[in-house]
Amino acid sequence: MPAKKKAKPTFEEGLEKLEALASGMEDGSMALEQALGAYEEGMALYGELSAMLQGAQQRIEQIRAGARDEKEATPFEVEK
């Protein structure tokens, strides 16, 4: 029987997991090896979440360009 692929978590699920990892490390209840494993997992998750955000940003730029019938996408900037 073929192994089932694990579904990729949504951005929100990934963010929730990252927050749980950070919280667990911050409260000091983890042993050193466990904290290092959580840190490693968190950094990998951070990379995945960053890629998801970049993809969303590119989609927004493409949608904005299409709405204006522009040949090039204009960069999306977040207001501060």
Protein backbone atom coordinates (compact mmCIF):
# COMPACT_ATOMS: atom_id res chain seq x y z
CA MET A 1 0.00 0.00 0.00
CA PRO A 2 1.56 3.36 -1.00
CA ALA A 3 2.33 5.81 1.77
CA LYS A 4 0.01 8.79 1.91
CA LYS A 5 1.55 12.21 1.50
CA LYS A 6 1.01 14.47 4.46
CA ALA A 7 -0.95 17.53 3.42
CA LYS A 8 1.02 20.75 3.60
CA PRO A 9 -0.29 22.89 6.47
CA THR A 10 -2.04 26.16 5.72
CA PHE A 11 -0.31 29.41 6.57
CA GLU A 12 -2.49 29.80 9.64
CA GLU A 13 -1.74 26.26 10.85
CA GLY A 14 1.97 26.81 10.31
CA LEU A 15 1.91 30.10 12.18
CA GLU A 16 0.05 28.49 15.07
CA LYS A 17 2.67 25.71 15.21
CA LEU A 18 5.50 28.27 15.11
CA GLU A 19 3.92 30.24 17.95
CA ALA A 20 3.55 27.03 19.99
CA LEU A 21 7.21 26.15 19.42
CA ALA A 22 8.34 29.63 20.46
CA SER A 23 6.12 29.59 23.53
CA GLY A 24 7.49 26.21 24.57
CA MET A 25 11.06 27.45 24.28
CA GLU A 26 10.31 30.70 26.09
CA ASP A 27 8.80 29.08 29.17
CA GLY A 28 12.05 27.22 29.87
CA SER A 29 10.41 23.83 30.39
CA MET A 30 12.28 22.11 27.54
CA ALA A 31 15.53 20.24 27.95
CA LEU A 32 18.40 21.61 25.86
CA GLU A 33 18.17 18.94 23.15
CA GLN A 34 14.40 19.35 22.95
CA ALA A 35 14.78 23.14 22.69
CA LEU A 36 17.37 22.75 19.91
CA GLY A 37 15.03 20.43 18.03
CA ALA A 38 12.17 22.91 18.46
CA TYR A 39 14.41 25.74 17.24
CA GLU A 40 15.43 23.75 14.17
CA GLU A 41 11.80 22.88 13.41
CA GLY A 42 10.79 26.49 13.95
CA MET A 43 13.42 27.82 11.56
CA ALA A 44 12.32 25.37 8.86
CA LEU A 45 8.72 26.39 9.43
CA TYR A 46 9.70 30.08 9.31
CA GLY A 47 11.24 29.50 5.88
CA GLU A 48 8.07 27.80 4.61
CA LEU A 49 5.85 30.58 5.98
CA SER A 50 8.09 33.27 4.46
CA ALA A 51 7.83 31.54 1.08
CA MET A 52 4.04 31.42 1.40
CA LEU A 53 3.95 35.16 2.14
CA GLN A 54 6.21 35.92 -0.83
CA GLY A 55 3.93 33.87 -3.06
CA ALA A 56 0.89 35.75 -1.79
CA GLN A 57 2.66 39.06 -2.39
CA GLN A 58 3.48 38.05 -5.97
CA ARG A 59 -0.13 37.05 -6.59
CA ILE A 60 -1.31 40.44 -5.31
CA GLU A 61 1.13 42.20 -7.64
CA GLN A 62 -0.10 40.12 -10.60
CA ILE A 63 -3.74 40.81 -9.76
CA ARG A 64 -3.05 44.53 -9.45
CA ALA A 65 -1.17 44.53 -12.75
CA GLY A 66 -3.99 42.65 -14.47
CA ALA A 67 -6.59 45.04 -13.11
CA ARG A 68 -4.68 47.93 -14.66
CA ASP A 69 -3.76 46.02 -17.83
CA GLU A 70 -0.11 46.69 -17.06
CA LYS A 71 2.60 44.72 -18.77
CA GLU A 72 4.70 44.59 -15.59
CA ALA A 73 3.55 43.98 -12.06
CA THR A 74 4.03 46.90 -9.71
CA PRO A 75 5.55 46.04 -6.34
CA PHE A 76 3.15 45.61 -3.48
CA GLU A 77 4.13 47.67 -0.46
CA VAL A 78 2.70 47.34 3.03
CA GLU A 79 1.75 50.63 4.63
CA LYS A 80 3.44 51.24 7.98
